[in-house]
Protein backbone atom coordinates (compact mmCIF):
# COMPACT_ATOMS: atom_id res chain seq x y z
CA MET A 1 -11.52 -12.31 34.30
CA GLU A 2 -8.18 -11.88 32.61
CA ALA A 3 -8.07 -9.90 29.39
CA LYS A 4 -6.89 -11.86 26.38
CA ALA A 5 -3.59 -10.68 24.97
CA ARG A 6 -3.71 -9.59 21.33
CA PRO A 7 -1.67 -11.83 19.02
CA SER A 8 1.64 -10.48 17.84
CA TRP A 9 1.69 -9.65 14.14
CA ARG A 10 5.41 -9.10 13.81
CA PRO A 11 7.10 -11.55 11.41
CA THR A 12 8.43 -14.63 13.14
CA SER A 13 11.80 -15.98 12.14
CA LEU A 14 12.32 -19.01 9.96
CA ALA A 15 15.24 -21.38 10.46
CA ASN A 16 18.15 -19.65 12.17
CA PRO A 17 20.49 -19.58 9.15
CA VAL A 18 17.85 -17.90 7.01
CA ARG A 19 16.97 -15.45 9.76
CA THR A 20 20.64 -14.58 10.20
CA LEU A 21 21.09 -14.11 6.46
CA LYS A 22 18.08 -11.81 6.22
CA LYS A 23 19.21 -9.70 9.16
CA PHE A 24 22.76 -9.47 7.83
CA SER A 25 21.60 -8.60 4.31
CA TYR A 26 19.84 -5.46 5.52
CA ASN A 27 22.94 -4.07 7.24
CA PRO A 28 23.41 -0.51 5.86
CA ARG A 29 27.19 -0.83 5.66
CA LEU A 30 26.96 -4.08 3.73
CA LEU A 31 24.41 -2.58 1.34
CA ALA A 32 26.68 0.41 0.71
CA VAL A 33 29.61 -1.88 -0.17
CA VAL A 34 27.44 -4.01 -2.46
CA ARG A 35 26.23 -0.94 -4.36
CA ALA A 36 29.76 0.47 -4.63
CA LEU A 37 30.99 -2.80 -6.13
CA HIS A 38 27.99 -3.03 -8.48
CA LEU A 39 27.10 -6.47 -7.13
CA SER A 40 23.43 -5.80 -6.38
CA ASP A 41 21.94 -7.83 -9.25
CA ILE A 42 23.89 -11.02 -8.74
CA LEU A 43 23.58 -10.93 -4.95
CA ARG A 44 19.82 -10.40 -5.21
CA LYS A 45 19.57 -13.61 -7.25
CA ILE A 46 21.68 -15.50 -4.71
CA TYR A 47 19.60 -14.04 -1.87
CA GLN A 48 16.32 -15.11 -3.50
CA TRP A 49 17.60 -18.65 -3.98
CA ALA A 50 19.00 -18.89 -0.44
CA THR A 51 15.82 -17.61 1.25
CA GLY A 52 13.43 -19.99 -0.49
CA GLY A 53 12.20 -17.97 -3.46
CA LYS A 54 13.27 -20.49 -6.08
CA GLU A 55 9.80 -20.76 -7.64
CA ASN A 56 9.44 -16.99 -8.01
CA ILE A 57 7.15 -16.89 -4.99
CA LEU A 58 7.83 -14.67 -1.99
CA LYS A 59 6.54 -16.16 1.27
CA VAL A 60 6.16 -13.80 4.22
CA ASN A 61 5.22 -14.98 7.71
CA LEU A 62 3.06 -12.50 9.64
CA GLY A 63 2.77 -14.44 12.86
CA ARG A 64 -0.50 -16.34 12.63
CA PHE A 65 -0.43 -16.86 8.87
CA ASP A 66 1.72 -16.71 5.74
CA VAL A 67 1.12 -14.55 2.68
CA LEU A 68 2.39 -15.36 -0.81
CA PHE A 69 3.30 -13.08 -3.72
CA HIS A 70 4.26 -13.74 -7.32
CA VAL A 71 7.58 -12.09 -8.19
CA HIS A 72 9.04 -11.61 -11.66
CA SER A 73 12.66 -10.86 -10.80
CA ALA A 74 15.18 -11.04 -7.98
CA GLY A 75 14.90 -7.27 -7.65
CA GLU A 76 11.13 -7.40 -7.19
CA TYR A 77 11.56 -10.21 -4.65
CA ARG A 78 13.87 -8.05 -2.57
CA VAL A 79 11.74 -4.88 -2.88
CA LEU A 80 8.59 -6.71 -1.81
CA GLU A 81 10.31 -8.33 1.15
CA HIS A 82 11.72 -4.97 2.24
CA PHE A 83 8.18 -3.59 2.10
CA PHE A 84 7.14 -6.01 4.86
CA VAL A 85 10.36 -6.02 6.85
CA SER A 86 10.88 -2.29 7.13
CA PHE A 87 9.42 0.26 4.76
CA GLU A 88 5.69 0.08 5.68
CA ARG A 89 6.08 -1.54 9.09
CA ASP A 90 4.35 1.28 11.00
CA PHE A 91 1.25 1.10 8.79
CA PHE A 92 1.17 -2.69 9.10
CA ASP A 93 1.40 -2.58 12.86
CA ALA A 94 -1.42 -0.02 13.09
CA LEU A 95 -3.73 -1.86 10.68
CA LEU A 96 -3.07 -5.42 11.77
CA SER A 97 -3.46 -4.60 15.47
CA SER A 98 -6.69 -2.62 14.91
CA LEU A 99 -8.59 -4.94 12.58
CA GLU A 100 -10.48 -8.09 13.54
CA GLU A 101 -12.43 -10.79 11.76
CA GLY A 102 -15.53 -9.34 10.13
CA ASP A 103 -14.14 -5.80 9.69
CA VAL A 104 -14.13 -3.77 6.47
CA VAL A 105 -11.01 -1.98 5.23
CA LEU A 106 -10.52 0.37 2.26
CA ASP A 107 -7.12 0.16 0.51
CA VAL A 108 -6.68 3.15 -1.84
CA GLY A 109 -3.72 2.55 -4.13
CA SER A 110 -3.57 -1.23 -3.72
CA SER A 111 -0.80 -1.79 -6.25
CA LEU A 112 0.18 -5.51 -6.17
CA GLY A 113 -1.75 -6.20 -2.97
CA GLU A 114 0.97 -5.63 -0.39
CA PHE A 115 -1.72 -4.56 2.08
CA ALA A 116 -4.84 -6.12 0.55
CA VAL A 117 -3.47 -9.69 0.65
CA PRO A 118 -2.58 -9.82 4.37
CA LEU A 119 -5.58 -7.69 5.40
CA ALA A 120 -7.89 -10.16 3.65
CA LYS A 121 -6.57 -12.87 5.98
CA VAL A 122 -7.00 -10.67 9.05
CA VAL A 123 -10.66 -9.77 8.41
CA GLY A 124 -11.52 -13.30 7.27
CA ASN A 125 -14.37 -14.51 5.11
CA SER A 126 -16.90 -12.53 7.13
CA GLY A 127 -14.95 -9.32 6.48
CA LEU A 128 -14.24 -7.35 3.32
CA VAL A 129 -11.28 -5.58 1.73
CA LEU A 130 -12.06 -2.88 -0.84
CA ALA A 131 -9.00 -2.63 -3.06
CA VAL A 132 -8.87 0.51 -5.23
CA GLU A 133 -6.30 0.38 -8.05
CA PRO A 134 -6.54 2.06 -11.48
CA GLU A 135 -3.47 0.69 -13.32
CA THR A 136 -4.10 -2.30 -15.60
CA SER A 137 -0.92 -4.28 -14.95
CA ALA A 138 -1.10 -3.73 -11.18
CA CYS A 139 -4.74 -4.90 -11.15
CA ALA A 140 -3.75 -8.09 -12.95
CA GLN A 141 -0.94 -8.77 -10.48
CA LEU A 142 -3.21 -7.92 -7.55
CA GLU A 143 -5.79 -10.43 -8.75
CA ALA A 144 -3.09 -13.07 -9.30
CA ASN A 145 -1.74 -12.58 -5.76
CA LEU A 146 -5.23 -12.81 -4.27
CA ASN A 147 -5.83 -16.06 -6.17
CA LEU A 148 -2.46 -17.39 -5.00
CA ASN A 149 -3.60 -16.86 -1.40
CA GLY A 150 -7.13 -18.18 -1.97
CA SER A 151 -8.65 -14.83 -0.96
CA SER A 152 -12.30 -14.42 -1.98
CA ASN A 153 -13.20 -11.54 0.35
CA VAL A 154 -11.54 -8.75 -1.66
CA ARG A 155 -13.42 -6.55 -4.09
CA ILE A 156 -11.19 -4.85 -6.66
CA LEU A 157 -12.41 -1.40 -7.73
CA ARG A 158 -10.51 -0.46 -10.88
CA ALA A 159 -10.43 3.33 -10.63
CA ALA A 160 -8.53 6.19 -9.09
CA LEU A 161 -10.16 8.27 -6.35
CA GLY A 162 -10.25 12.07 -6.27
CA ASP A 163 -12.49 15.06 -5.63
CA GLU A 164 -14.08 15.20 -9.09
CA ARG A 165 -15.26 12.61 -11.58
CA ARG A 166 -13.19 12.68 -14.79
CA GLU A 167 -10.52 10.93 -16.81
CA SER A 168 -6.82 11.56 -16.26
CA ARG A 169 -3.39 10.26 -17.22
CA LEU A 170 -1.61 7.89 -14.89
CA SER A 171 2.12 7.88 -15.59
CA TRP A 172 5.24 6.09 -14.38
CA LYS A 173 8.81 6.68 -15.45
CA ASP A 174 11.98 4.62 -14.97
CA GLY A 175 10.29 2.21 -12.58
CA SER A 176 8.72 4.90 -10.37
CA CYS A 177 5.33 4.42 -8.76
CA PRO A 178 2.42 5.48 -11.00
CA SER A 179 1.17 9.02 -10.37
CA LEU A 180 -1.67 11.22 -11.59
CA LEU A 181 0.46 14.35 -11.22
CA GLY A 182 3.41 16.08 -12.85
CA VAL A 183 3.47 14.76 -16.43
CA SER A 184 4.70 17.30 -18.97
CA GLU A 185 3.45 17.28 -22.57
CA VAL A 186 6.87 16.04 -23.71
CA ASP A 187 6.78 13.22 -21.19
CA GLN A 188 3.21 12.34 -22.18
CA GLN A 189 4.26 11.87 -25.81
CA ALA A 190 7.28 9.72 -24.89
CA LEU A 191 5.38 7.66 -22.34
CA SER A 192 2.43 7.06 -24.66
CA GLU A 193 4.82 5.37 -27.09
CA SER A 194 6.21 3.01 -24.43
CA ALA A 195 5.26 -0.65 -24.39
CA PRO A 196 2.59 -1.48 -21.75
CA SER A 197 5.03 -3.71 -19.85
CA ALA A 198 7.89 -1.18 -19.87
CA THR A 199 9.28 0.46 -16.75
CA SER A 200 7.87 3.74 -18.10
CA GLY A 201 4.36 4.22 -19.40
CA LEU A 202 1.15 6.22 -19.60
CA GLU A 203 -2.44 5.07 -19.14
CA VAL A 204 -5.76 6.92 -19.25
CA VAL A 205 -7.78 6.07 -16.13
CA SER A 206 -11.12 7.01 -14.60
CA ILE A 207 -11.18 9.12 -11.45
CA GLU A 208 -14.16 8.62 -9.14
CA ILE A 209 -15.30 10.68 -6.15
CA GLY A 210 -14.86 8.25 -3.27
CA ASP A 211 -18.11 8.98 -1.45
CA GLN A 212 -20.12 8.71 -4.68
CA LEU A 213 -18.45 5.40 -5.55
CA MET A 214 -19.22 4.03 -2.10
CA ASP A 215 -22.89 5.01 -2.48
CA ARG A 216 -23.26 3.81 -6.06
CA GLU A 217 -21.76 0.39 -5.30
CA HIS A 218 -23.60 0.09 -1.95
CA LEU A 219 -20.32 -0.44 -0.11
CA PRO A 220 -20.10 -0.58 3.71
CA ILE A 221 -18.27 2.06 5.73
CA PRO A 222 -14.71 0.83 6.37
CA LYS A 223 -13.30 0.64 9.87
CA ALA A 224 -9.85 1.52 8.48
CA VAL A 225 -8.57 3.30 5.37
CA LYS A 226 -5.08 3.18 3.85
CA ILE A 227 -4.09 5.76 1.21
CA ASP A 228 -0.94 5.70 -0.93
CA VAL A 229 -1.45 7.73 -4.12
CA GLU A 230 1.82 9.52 -4.89
CA GLY A 231 0.84 13.15 -4.26
CA PHE A 232 -2.93 12.89 -4.84
CA GLU A 233 -3.68 12.55 -1.12
CA PHE A 234 -5.67 15.77 -0.60
CA GLN A 235 -7.97 15.05 -3.54
CA VAL A 236 -8.64 11.48 -2.35
CA ILE A 237 -9.39 12.60 1.22
CA SER A 238 -11.64 15.42 0.01
CA GLY A 239 -13.66 13.03 -2.14
CA LEU A 240 -13.92 10.56 0.76
CA SER A 241 -14.80 13.15 3.41
CA ARG A 242 -18.25 11.81 4.25
CA THR A 243 -16.94 8.25 4.54
CA LEU A 244 -13.98 9.28 6.68
CA ARG A 245 -16.17 11.48 8.92
CA ASN A 246 -18.51 8.56 9.67
CA ALA A 247 -18.12 7.40 13.28
CA ALA A 248 -17.61 3.80 12.12
CA CYS A 249 -14.38 4.79 10.34
CA ARG A 250 -11.75 4.72 13.11
CA LEU A 251 -8.29 4.59 11.52
CA LEU A 252 -6.57 6.34 8.61
CA CYS A 253 -3.06 5.49 7.40
CA CYS A 254 -1.93 7.93 4.72
CA GLU A 255 1.44 8.28 3.01
CA ILE A 256 2.02 11.96 2.14
CA HIS A 257 4.44 12.77 -0.71
CA PRO A 258 5.52 16.42 -0.24
CA ALA A 259 7.61 16.50 -3.43
CA PHE A 260 4.65 15.41 -5.56
CA LEU A 261 1.92 17.60 -4.09
CA PRO A 262 0.33 20.05 -6.56
CA SER A 263 0.85 23.79 -6.18
CA GLY A 264 -1.07 25.18 -3.21
CA THR A 265 -1.26 21.84 -1.40
CA THR A 266 0.99 21.25 1.60
CA PRO A 267 1.35 18.41 4.10
CA GLN A 268 -0.10 20.73 6.77
CA LEU A 269 -3.20 21.31 4.65
CA ILE A 270 -3.72 17.54 4.45
CA ILE A 271 -3.18 17.15 8.19
CA GLU A 272 -5.71 19.89 9.01
CA LYS A 273 -8.23 18.34 6.61
CA VAL A 274 -7.91 14.98 8.37
CA LYS A 275 -8.33 16.62 11.78
CA SER A 276 -11.51 18.32 10.57
CA LEU A 277 -12.95 14.88 9.84
CA GLY A 278 -12.71 13.84 13.49
CA PHE A 279 -9.29 12.20 13.68
CA THR A 280 -7.83 13.66 16.87
CA ASP A 281 -5.09 11.14 17.73
CA MET A 282 -2.37 11.57 15.11
CA VAL A 283 1.18 10.26 14.74
CA LEU A 284 3.45 11.70 12.02
CA SER A 285 6.81 10.26 11.03
CA GLU A 286 9.22 11.07 8.22
CA ARG A 287 10.28 8.09 6.11
CA SER A 288 12.76 8.88 3.35
CA GLU A 289 10.97 11.53 1.24
CA GLN A 290 7.49 10.74 2.57
CA VAL A 291 5.52 11.54 5.70
CA HIS A 292 3.55 8.69 7.26
CA MET A 293 0.37 9.78 8.99
CA ILE A 294 -1.47 7.40 11.31
CA ALA A 295 -4.68 9.04 12.52
CA ARG A 296 -7.29 7.64 14.89
CA LYS A 297 -10.55 8.88 16.36
CA ASP A 298 -11.04 9.32 20.06
CA ASP A 299 -12.96 6.48 21.74
CA SER A 300 -15.55 8.99 22.97
CA GLN A 301 -16.76 9.34 19.36
CA THR A 302 -18.09 5.79 19.24
């Protein structure tokens, strides 16, 4: 009996002119010229219009299905598209090729749903996506994107994960990703006075120990876990150790942020911690200022 080939999850092209435009628009030399001439803003608007984003909706084809996202500006449209086209492609390939209908996946740091939305379609109505996101605005956008896609198999857990249960300050500055680390007292005062919708801000959030949250909410062990928490990786993994060590948990995709790690924590410490939890097959790759870790368990552990 012939083995069935797994479906390809790589984005398929749209009409040729659009495909050509998209490919051309990501040319590094062209991007350098655009930035030098300060034309980024106007060309982003033209790009959004030309590629079908006229209704402030980004449509991404992932082979067997489309996913939709609300966007609030031409810049956000472009950033989100780049997320799927290039920036997180290795994580997508690992997750989408490993998960099947009926599986459970834990998405720690869900943000707007860049992973949760497509993964919900992969695991189907018989599966479950656990989306962990503490920031108020991101949770609202995540819920809106799930509704846009008709996804009812995602449970949003509004909290941060760590290795102790407490409250902390989640901060973002000048459009950076929200982080639980590295906010000075001066920054805290300035950020606390920012409007909630500003590109900079501060929010008090609850931190939960992952294993305790899983037990308290009677959540199933995930087959795959994705972690993107801007320097809080070691704390999240430590608090999720029992879940990650479980034989049913087979895949971990973790973005490590060396520049944001607290004193005494190194990428190597995180890597060794993950290995101690049974993940023996590991691929590490540097992406800009981050390290992408894709870790799997050996089949003999099933």
